[in-house]
C-alpha atoms as a PDB file:
ATOM      1  CA  UNK A   1     -25.067 -21.452 -36.867  1.00  0.00           C
ATOM      2  CA  UNK A   2     -26.257 -19.401 -33.968  1.00  0.00           C
ATOM      3  CA  UNK A   3     -27.016 -15.853 -34.266  1.00  0.00           C
ATOM      4  CA  UNK A   4     -25.650 -13.231 -31.843  1.00  0.00           C
ATOM      5  CA  UNK A   5     -28.647 -11.737 -29.903  1.00  0.00           C
ATOM      6  CA  UNK A   6     -26.631  -8.846 -28.734  1.00  0.00           C
ATOM      7  CA  UNK A   7     -27.895  -5.630 -29.931  1.00  0.00           C
ATOM      8  CA  UNK A   8     -25.954  -2.384 -29.543  1.00  0.00           C
ATOM      9  CA  UNK A   9     -28.531   0.526 -28.432  1.00  0.00           C
ATOM     10  CA  UNK A  10     -28.750   3.017 -30.919  1.00  0.00           C
ATOM     11  CA  UNK A  11     -28.669   6.528 -29.831  1.00  0.00           C
ATOM     12  CA  UNK A  12     -26.975   5.766 -26.366  1.00  0.00           C
ATOM     13  CA  UNK A  13     -23.917   7.688 -26.065  1.00  0.00           C
ATOM     14  CA  UNK A  14     -21.547   7.181 -23.192  1.00  0.00           C
ATOM     15  CA  UNK A  15     -20.006  10.407 -21.806  1.00  0.00           C
ATOM     16  CA  UNK A  16     -16.952  10.094 -19.689  1.00  0.00           C
ATOM     17  CA  UNK A  17     -16.494  11.548 -16.299  1.00  0.00           C
ATOM     18  CA  UNK A  18     -14.763  14.760 -15.946  1.00  0.00           C
ATOM     19  CA  UNK A  19     -11.066  14.663 -15.173  1.00  0.00           C
ATOM     20  CA  UNK A  20     -10.150  16.370 -12.022  1.00  0.00           C
ATOM     21  CA  UNK A  21      -6.932  18.634 -11.800  1.00  0.00           C
ATOM     22  CA  UNK A  22      -5.498  16.392  -9.145  1.00  0.00           C
ATOM     23  CA  UNK A  23      -5.744  13.363 -11.390  1.00  0.00           C
ATOM     24  CA  UNK A  24      -4.421  15.220 -14.273  1.00  0.00           C
ATOM     25  CA  UNK A  25      -1.409  16.278 -12.281  1.00  0.00           C
ATOM     26  CA  UNK A  26      -0.845  12.757 -11.342  1.00  0.00           C
ATOM     27  CA  UNK A  27      -0.992  11.367 -14.913  1.00  0.00           C
ATOM     28  CA  UNK A  28       1.382  14.125 -16.088  1.00  0.00           C
ATOM     29  CA  UNK A  29       3.837  13.280 -13.495  1.00  0.00           C
ATOM     30  CA  UNK A  30       3.846   9.632 -14.473  1.00  0.00           C
ATOM     31  CA  UNK A  31       3.981  10.530 -18.273  1.00  0.00           C
ATOM     32  CA  UNK A  32       6.934  12.807 -17.741  1.00  0.00           C
ATOM     33  CA  UNK A  33       8.715  10.250 -15.514  1.00  0.00           C
ATOM     34  CA  UNK A  34       8.221   7.677 -18.272  1.00  0.00           C
ATOM     35  CA  UNK A  35       9.293  10.055 -21.024  1.00  0.00           C
ATOM     36  CA  UNK A  36      12.373  10.818 -19.233  1.00  0.00           C
ATOM     37  CA  UNK A  37      13.100   7.111 -18.759  1.00  0.00           C
ATOM     38  CA  UNK A  38      12.589   6.550 -22.286  1.00  0.00           C
ATOM     39  CA  UNK A  39      15.017   9.310 -23.334  1.00  0.00           C
ATOM     40  CA  UNK A  40      17.685   7.720 -20.870  1.00  0.00           C
ATOM     41  CA  UNK A  41      16.995   4.277 -22.483  1.00  0.00           C
ATOM     42  CA  UNK A  42      17.493   5.508 -25.901  1.00  0.00           C
ATOM     43  CA  UNK A  43      20.913   7.200 -25.001  1.00  0.00           C
ATOM     44  CA  UNK A  44      21.959   3.810 -23.250  1.00  0.00           C
ATOM     45  CA  UNK A  45      20.997   1.856 -26.495  1.00  0.00           C
ATOM     46  CA  UNK A  46      23.048   4.403 -28.501  1.00  0.00           C
ATOM     47  CA  UNK A  47      26.058   4.334 -26.155  1.00  0.00           C
ATOM     48  CA  UNK A  48      25.961   0.405 -25.982  1.00  0.00           C
ATOM     49  CA  UNK A  49      25.575   0.233 -29.735  1.00  0.00           C
ATOM     50  CA  UNK A  50      28.730   2.389 -30.211  1.00  0.00           C
ATOM     51  CA  UNK A  51      30.723   0.704 -27.564  1.00  0.00           C
ATOM     52  CA  UNK A  52      29.775  -2.814 -29.183  1.00  0.00           C
ATOM     53  CA  UNK A  53      30.961  -1.449 -32.497  1.00  0.00           C
ATOM     54  CA  UNK A  54      33.988   0.228 -31.177  1.00  0.00           C
ATOM     55  CA  UNK A  55      34.983  -3.147 -29.290  1.00  0.00           C
ATOM     56  CA  UNK A  56      34.210  -5.319 -32.195  1.00  0.00           C
ATOM     57  CA  UNK A  57      36.838  -3.273 -34.161  1.00  0.00           C
ATOM     58  CA  UNK A  58      39.483  -2.857 -31.405  1.00  0.00           C
ATOM     59  CA  UNK A  59      39.314  -5.870 -29.098  1.00  0.00           C
ATOM     60  CA  UNK A  60      40.906  -9.212 -29.793  1.00  0.00           C
ATOM     61  CA  UNK A  61      39.463 -11.177 -26.879  1.00  0.00           C
ATOM     62  CA  UNK A  62      36.085 -12.906 -27.927  1.00  0.00           C
ATOM     63  CA  UNK A  63      34.916 -12.610 -24.252  1.00  0.00           C
ATOM     64  CA  UNK A  64      34.961  -8.829 -24.282  1.00  0.00           C
ATOM     65  CA  UNK A  65      33.288  -8.480 -27.674  1.00  0.00           C
ATOM     66  CA  UNK A  66      30.399 -10.906 -26.423  1.00  0.00           C
ATOM     67  CA  UNK A  67      30.158  -8.920 -23.119  1.00  0.00           C
ATOM     68  CA  UNK A  68      29.590  -5.683 -25.215  1.00  0.00           C
ATOM     69  CA  UNK A  69      26.990  -7.314 -27.676  1.00  0.00           C
ATOM     70  CA  UNK A  70      25.123  -8.851 -24.438  1.00  0.00           C
ATOM     71  CA  UNK A  71      25.060  -5.247 -23.002  1.00  0.00           C
ATOM     72  CA  UNK A  72      23.570  -4.021 -26.085  1.00  0.00           C
ATOM     73  CA  UNK A  73      20.891  -6.659 -25.905  1.00  0.00           C
ATOM     74  CA  UNK A  74      19.990  -5.836 -22.363  1.00  0.00           C
ATOM     75  CA  UNK A  75      19.787  -2.327 -23.111  1.00  0.00           C
ATOM     76  CA  UNK A  76      17.660  -2.850 -26.134  1.00  0.00           C
ATOM     77  CA  UNK A  77      15.318  -5.130 -24.054  1.00  0.00           C
ATOM     78  CA  UNK A  78      15.146  -2.323 -21.418  1.00  0.00           C
ATOM     79  CA  UNK A  79      14.127   0.057 -24.211  1.00  0.00           C
ATOM     80  CA  UNK A  80      11.514  -2.456 -25.482  1.00  0.00           C
ATOM     81  CA  UNK A  81      10.073  -2.646 -21.994  1.00  0.00           C
ATOM     82  CA  UNK A  82       9.725   1.093 -21.588  1.00  0.00           C
ATOM     83  CA  UNK A  83       8.025   1.327 -24.944  1.00  0.00           C
ATOM     84  CA  UNK A  84       5.726  -1.355 -24.190  1.00  0.00           C
ATOM     85  CA  UNK A  85       4.737   0.536 -20.872  1.00  0.00           C
ATOM     86  CA  UNK A  86       4.109   3.623 -23.068  1.00  0.00           C
ATOM     87  CA  UNK A  87       1.409   1.885 -25.106  1.00  0.00           C
ATOM     88  CA  UNK A  88      -2.189   2.505 -24.200  1.00  0.00           C
ATOM     89  CA  UNK A  89      -3.467  -0.067 -21.885  1.00  0.00           C
ATOM     90  CA  UNK A  90      -7.010  -0.414 -23.339  1.00  0.00           C
ATOM     91  CA  UNK A  91      -5.773  -2.043 -26.622  1.00  0.00           C
ATOM     92  CA  UNK A  92      -6.899  -5.736 -27.012  1.00  0.00           C
ATOM     93  CA  UNK A  93      -4.537  -8.314 -27.983  1.00  0.00           C
ATOM     94  CA  UNK A  94      -4.743  -9.517 -31.562  1.00  0.00           C
ATOM     95  CA  UNK A  95      -6.869 -12.680 -30.987  1.00  0.00           C
ATOM     96  CA  UNK A  96      -9.436 -10.622 -29.253  1.00  0.00           C
ATOM     97  CA  UNK A  97      -9.714  -8.099 -32.121  1.00  0.00           C
ATOM     98  CA  UNK A  98     -10.212 -10.669 -34.815  1.00  0.00           C
ATOM     99  CA  UNK A  99      -6.946  -9.574 -36.647  1.00  0.00           C
ATOM    100  CA  UNK A 100      -5.135 -12.756 -36.165  1.00  0.00           C
ATOM    101  CA  UNK A 101      -7.739 -15.128 -34.625  1.00  0.00           C
ATOM    102  CA  UNK A 102      -6.592 -18.628 -33.358  1.00  0.00           C
ATOM    103  CA  UNK A 103      -9.492 -20.119 -34.956  1.00  0.00           C
ATOM    104  CA  UNK A 104      -9.627 -20.151 -38.738  1.00  0.00           C
ATOM    105  CA  UNK A 105     -12.882 -18.969 -40.365  1.00  0.00           C
ATOM    106  CA  UNK A 106     -14.547 -21.711 -42.480  1.00  0.00           C
ATOM    107  CA  UNK A 107     -15.164 -20.967 -46.045  1.00  0.00           C
END
């Protein structure tokens, strides 16, 4: 088995660039916009969930019941998309982190 020749330099500390006020204002603007969208999406999911429960109890036509549950699924998908956008962008997928590798480790 080949050994890795990659060596991490000891004592080398990377420092990040300073963040300008203009860039910080832009980041805050986008973050606030996304937080508001998330709050609206949570509210829409709650309303759709209540509507679907109410329609299930009161309505006799299956098409209206199905429509209410489809709307709930749509609203939940929108919320999931917004929550995905709120995750940090520098996280590696599981197969790159070695958590759930596609290749099994030989014993």
